[in-house]
Amino acid sequence: MGLFGWPKVPRLEELRNAWFDAEDHATRRAVAAEMQVLAIDEVTYVPLGSYRSYTALRSDLTDRVTGLPLYWGIRRSS
């Protein structure tokens, strides 16, 4: 049962539990494929946009955390 605003798809919840209970990789893979088909059929979410962060950095900087523009630990190389 989903919270307010969240989709309510009982079969998807059953498949999620089956995925966690699966004993081997092949079973998980089959359950995951069925989950994806069901999610597409039920339209559990609609993406409303995307966010892209562009970052330009100097070539002499090291120890930067990749991904989001996080700048702790960054330093100039010697």
N, C-alpha and C. Protein backbone atom coordinates (compact mmCIF):
# COMPACT_ATOMS: atom_id res chain seq x y z
N MET A 1 0.85 -1.17 0.00
CA MET A 1 0.00 0.00 0.00
C MET A 1 0.90 1.23 0.00
N GLY A 2 0.75 2.08 -1.00
CA GLY A 2 1.58 3.26 -1.11
C GLY A 2 1.04 4.42 -0.28
N LEU A 3 1.91 5.33 0.04
CA LEU A 3 1.51 6.56 0.72
C LEU A 3 0.79 7.47 -0.26
N PHE A 4 0.21 8.55 0.25
CA PHE A 4 -0.49 9.50 -0.60
C PHE A 4 0.43 9.97 -1.72
N GLY A 5 -0.04 9.86 -2.94
CA GLY A 5 0.74 10.29 -4.09
C GLY A 5 1.62 9.21 -4.69
N TRP A 6 1.77 8.08 -4.02
CA TRP A 6 2.58 6.99 -4.54
C TRP A 6 1.69 5.97 -5.21
N PRO A 7 2.19 5.27 -6.21
CA PRO A 7 1.36 4.27 -6.91
C PRO A 7 1.01 3.09 -6.01
N LYS A 8 -0.15 2.52 -6.24
CA LYS A 8 -0.58 1.33 -5.51
C LYS A 8 -0.73 0.21 -6.52
N VAL A 9 0.27 -0.63 -6.60
CA VAL A 9 0.29 -1.76 -7.52
C VAL A 9 0.64 -3.00 -6.71
N PRO A 10 -0.36 -3.70 -6.17
CA PRO A 10 -0.08 -4.86 -5.31
C PRO A 10 0.78 -5.92 -5.98
N ARG A 11 0.58 -6.17 -7.27
CA ARG A 11 1.37 -7.19 -7.96
C ARG A 11 2.85 -6.81 -7.98
N LEU A 12 3.12 -5.52 -8.12
CA LEU A 12 4.51 -5.05 -8.11
C LEU A 12 5.15 -5.28 -6.75
N GLU A 13 4.39 -5.08 -5.70
CA GLU A 13 4.89 -5.36 -4.34
C GLU A 13 5.18 -6.85 -4.17
N GLU A 14 4.30 -7.70 -4.70
CA GLU A 14 4.53 -9.15 -4.63
C GLU A 14 5.81 -9.53 -5.36
N LEU A 15 6.01 -8.94 -6.53
CA LEU A 15 7.21 -9.24 -7.30
C LEU A 15 8.47 -8.73 -6.59
N ARG A 16 8.36 -7.59 -5.96
CA ARG A 16 9.51 -7.06 -5.22
C ARG A 16 9.90 -8.03 -4.10
N ASN A 17 8.91 -8.53 -3.37
CA ASN A 17 9.19 -9.50 -2.31
C ASN A 17 9.74 -10.80 -2.88
N ALA A 18 9.23 -11.21 -4.04
CA ALA A 18 9.74 -12.43 -4.69
C ALA A 18 11.19 -12.24 -5.11
N TRP A 19 11.54 -11.03 -5.54
CA TRP A 19 12.92 -10.75 -5.93
C TRP A 19 13.85 -10.89 -4.73
N PHE A 20 13.43 -10.35 -3.58
CA PHE A 20 14.25 -10.47 -2.38
C PHE A 20 14.36 -11.92 -1.91
N ASP A 21 13.30 -12.70 -2.10
CA ASP A 21 13.28 -14.09 -1.64
C ASP A 21 13.92 -15.06 -2.62
N ALA A 22 14.27 -14.61 -3.82
CA ALA A 22 14.82 -15.50 -4.85
C ALA A 22 16.14 -16.12 -4.38
N GLU A 23 16.31 -17.37 -4.72
CA GLU A 23 17.49 -18.11 -4.28
C GLU A 23 18.69 -17.95 -5.22
N ASP A 24 18.43 -17.71 -6.51
CA ASP A 24 19.54 -17.65 -7.46
C ASP A 24 19.39 -16.45 -8.41
N HIS A 25 20.44 -16.22 -9.15
CA HIS A 25 20.49 -15.07 -10.06
C HIS A 25 19.47 -15.19 -11.19
N ALA A 26 19.29 -16.38 -11.71
CA ALA A 26 18.35 -16.58 -12.83
C ALA A 26 16.92 -16.24 -12.41
N THR A 27 16.54 -16.63 -11.21
CA THR A 27 15.20 -16.32 -10.72
C THR A 27 15.04 -14.82 -10.51
N ARG A 28 16.05 -14.18 -9.92
CA ARG A 28 16.00 -12.73 -9.73
C ARG A 28 15.87 -12.01 -11.07
N ARG A 29 16.60 -12.50 -12.03
CA ARG A 29 16.56 -11.87 -13.35
C ARG A 29 15.18 -11.98 -13.98
N ALA A 30 14.55 -13.14 -13.86
CA ALA A 30 13.21 -13.34 -14.42
C ALA A 30 12.18 -12.47 -13.70
N VAL A 31 12.28 -12.39 -12.38
CA VAL A 31 11.36 -11.55 -11.60
C VAL A 31 11.57 -10.09 -11.95
N ALA A 32 12.81 -9.66 -12.09
CA ALA A 32 13.10 -8.26 -12.44
C ALA A 32 12.53 -7.91 -13.81
N ALA A 33 12.62 -8.83 -14.75
CA ALA A 33 12.07 -8.58 -16.09
C ALA A 33 10.55 -8.41 -16.01
N GLU A 34 9.90 -9.25 -15.22
CA GLU A 34 8.45 -9.13 -15.05
C GLU A 34 8.08 -7.82 -14.34
N MET A 35 8.91 -7.42 -13.38
CA MET A 35 8.67 -6.15 -12.68
C MET A 35 8.75 -4.97 -13.66
N GLN A 36 9.70 -5.01 -14.55
CA GLN A 36 9.86 -3.91 -15.50
C GLN A 36 8.69 -3.83 -16.46
N VAL A 37 8.22 -4.98 -16.94
CA VAL A 37 7.06 -5.00 -17.83
C VAL A 37 5.84 -4.44 -17.11
N LEU A 38 5.63 -4.87 -15.88
CA LEU A 38 4.49 -4.40 -15.09
C LEU A 38 4.59 -2.90 -14.81
N ALA A 39 5.77 -2.42 -14.49
CA ALA A 39 5.95 -0.99 -14.22
C ALA A 39 5.65 -0.15 -15.45
N ILE A 40 6.03 -0.64 -16.63
CA ILE A 40 5.72 0.08 -17.87
C ILE A 40 4.23 0.04 -18.15
N ASP A 41 3.60 -1.11 -17.95
CA ASP A 41 2.16 -1.24 -18.21
C ASP A 41 1.32 -0.40 -17.25
N GLU A 42 1.74 -0.32 -15.99
CA GLU A 42 0.96 0.40 -14.97
C GLU A 42 1.30 1.88 -14.89
N VAL A 43 2.36 2.31 -15.54
CA VAL A 43 2.84 3.70 -15.51
C VAL A 43 2.95 4.17 -14.05
N THR A 44 3.92 3.59 -13.33
CA THR A 44 4.09 3.91 -11.92
C THR A 44 4.69 5.28 -11.66
N TYR A 45 5.31 5.87 -12.67
CA TYR A 45 5.81 7.24 -12.54
C TYR A 45 5.95 7.85 -13.92
N VAL A 46 5.95 9.17 -13.96
CA VAL A 46 6.13 9.90 -15.20
C VAL A 46 7.26 10.90 -14.97
N PRO A 47 8.39 10.75 -15.64
CA PRO A 47 9.47 11.70 -15.45
C PRO A 47 9.07 13.07 -16.01
N LEU A 48 9.22 14.09 -15.20
CA LEU A 48 8.80 15.43 -15.59
C LEU A 48 9.95 16.32 -16.03
N GLY A 49 11.13 15.79 -16.05
CA GLY A 49 12.27 16.60 -16.47
C GLY A 49 13.56 15.94 -16.07
N SER A 50 14.63 16.63 -16.30
CA SER A 50 15.93 16.10 -15.92
C SER A 50 16.81 17.24 -15.43
N TYR A 51 17.87 16.90 -14.79
CA TYR A 51 18.79 17.89 -14.25
C TYR A 51 20.20 17.48 -14.66
N ARG A 52 20.93 18.40 -15.18
CA ARG A 52 22.30 18.12 -15.57
C ARG A 52 23.19 19.23 -15.02
N SER A 53 24.24 18.85 -14.38
CA SER A 53 25.17 19.80 -13.80
C SER A 53 26.45 19.82 -14.62
N TYR A 54 26.74 20.93 -15.21
CA TYR A 54 27.96 21.07 -15.99
C TYR A 54 29.04 21.69 -15.11
N THR A 55 30.22 21.11 -15.12
CA THR A 55 31.30 21.59 -14.29
C THR A 55 32.58 21.61 -15.11
N ALA A 56 33.28 22.71 -15.05
CA ALA A 56 34.58 22.81 -15.69
C ALA A 56 35.63 23.01 -14.60
N LEU A 57 36.69 22.26 -14.66
CA LEU A 57 37.74 22.34 -13.65
C LEU A 57 39.09 22.47 -14.31
N ARG A 58 40.01 23.01 -13.58
CA ARG A 58 41.38 23.12 -14.07
C ARG A 58 42.01 21.74 -14.14
N SER A 59 42.97 21.58 -15.01
CA SER A 59 43.61 20.27 -15.18
C SER A 59 44.59 19.95 -14.06
N ASP A 60 44.98 20.93 -13.24
CA ASP A 60 45.96 20.66 -12.19
C ASP A 60 45.31 20.37 -10.83
N LEU A 61 44.03 20.03 -10.80
CA LEU A 61 43.35 19.69 -9.55
C LEU A 61 43.29 18.17 -9.39
N THR A 62 43.48 17.70 -8.17
CA THR A 62 43.43 16.27 -7.90
C THR A 62 42.50 15.98 -6.72
N ASP A 63 42.22 14.70 -6.53
CA ASP A 63 41.39 14.20 -5.42
C ASP A 63 39.96 14.73 -5.46
N ARG A 64 39.45 15.02 -6.65
CA ARG A 64 38.06 15.45 -6.75
C ARG A 64 37.14 14.24 -6.72
N VAL A 65 36.05 14.34 -5.99
CA VAL A 65 35.04 13.29 -5.94
C VAL A 65 34.25 13.36 -7.25
N THR A 66 34.15 12.24 -7.96
CA THR A 66 33.42 12.24 -9.23
C THR A 66 31.92 12.23 -8.98
N GLY A 67 31.17 12.67 -9.93
CA GLY A 67 29.71 12.72 -9.81
C GLY A 67 29.25 14.15 -9.65
N LEU A 68 28.54 14.41 -8.58
CA LEU A 68 28.06 15.76 -8.30
C LEU A 68 29.23 16.70 -8.05
N PRO A 69 29.04 18.00 -8.27
CA PRO A 69 30.15 18.93 -8.04
C PRO A 69 30.41 19.14 -6.54
N LEU A 70 31.14 18.20 -5.96
CA LEU A 70 31.52 18.27 -4.55
C LEU A 70 32.98 18.66 -4.48
N TYR A 71 33.29 19.65 -3.68
CA TYR A 71 34.64 20.20 -3.73
C TYR A 71 35.44 19.99 -2.46
N TRP A 72 35.00 19.13 -1.53
CA TRP A 72 35.84 18.91 -0.37
C TRP A 72 36.95 17.93 -0.73
N GLY A 73 38.11 18.15 -0.15
CA GLY A 73 39.26 17.28 -0.41
C GLY A 73 39.99 17.59 -1.70
N ILE A 74 39.50 18.54 -2.47
CA ILE A 74 40.14 18.85 -3.75
C ILE A 74 41.38 19.70 -3.48
N ARG A 75 42.44 19.47 -4.25
CA ARG A 75 43.68 20.24 -4.05
C ARG A 75 44.42 20.35 -5.37
N ARG A 76 45.33 21.26 -5.41
CA ARG A 76 46.17 21.41 -6.59
C ARG A 76 47.30 20.40 -6.55
N SER A 77 47.60 19.82 -7.70
CA SER A 77 48.70 18.88 -7.75
C SER A 77 50.03 19.61 -7.69
N SER A 78 51.03 18.89 -7.24
CA SER A 78 52.34 19.51 -7.06
C SER A 78 53.11 19.57 -8.35
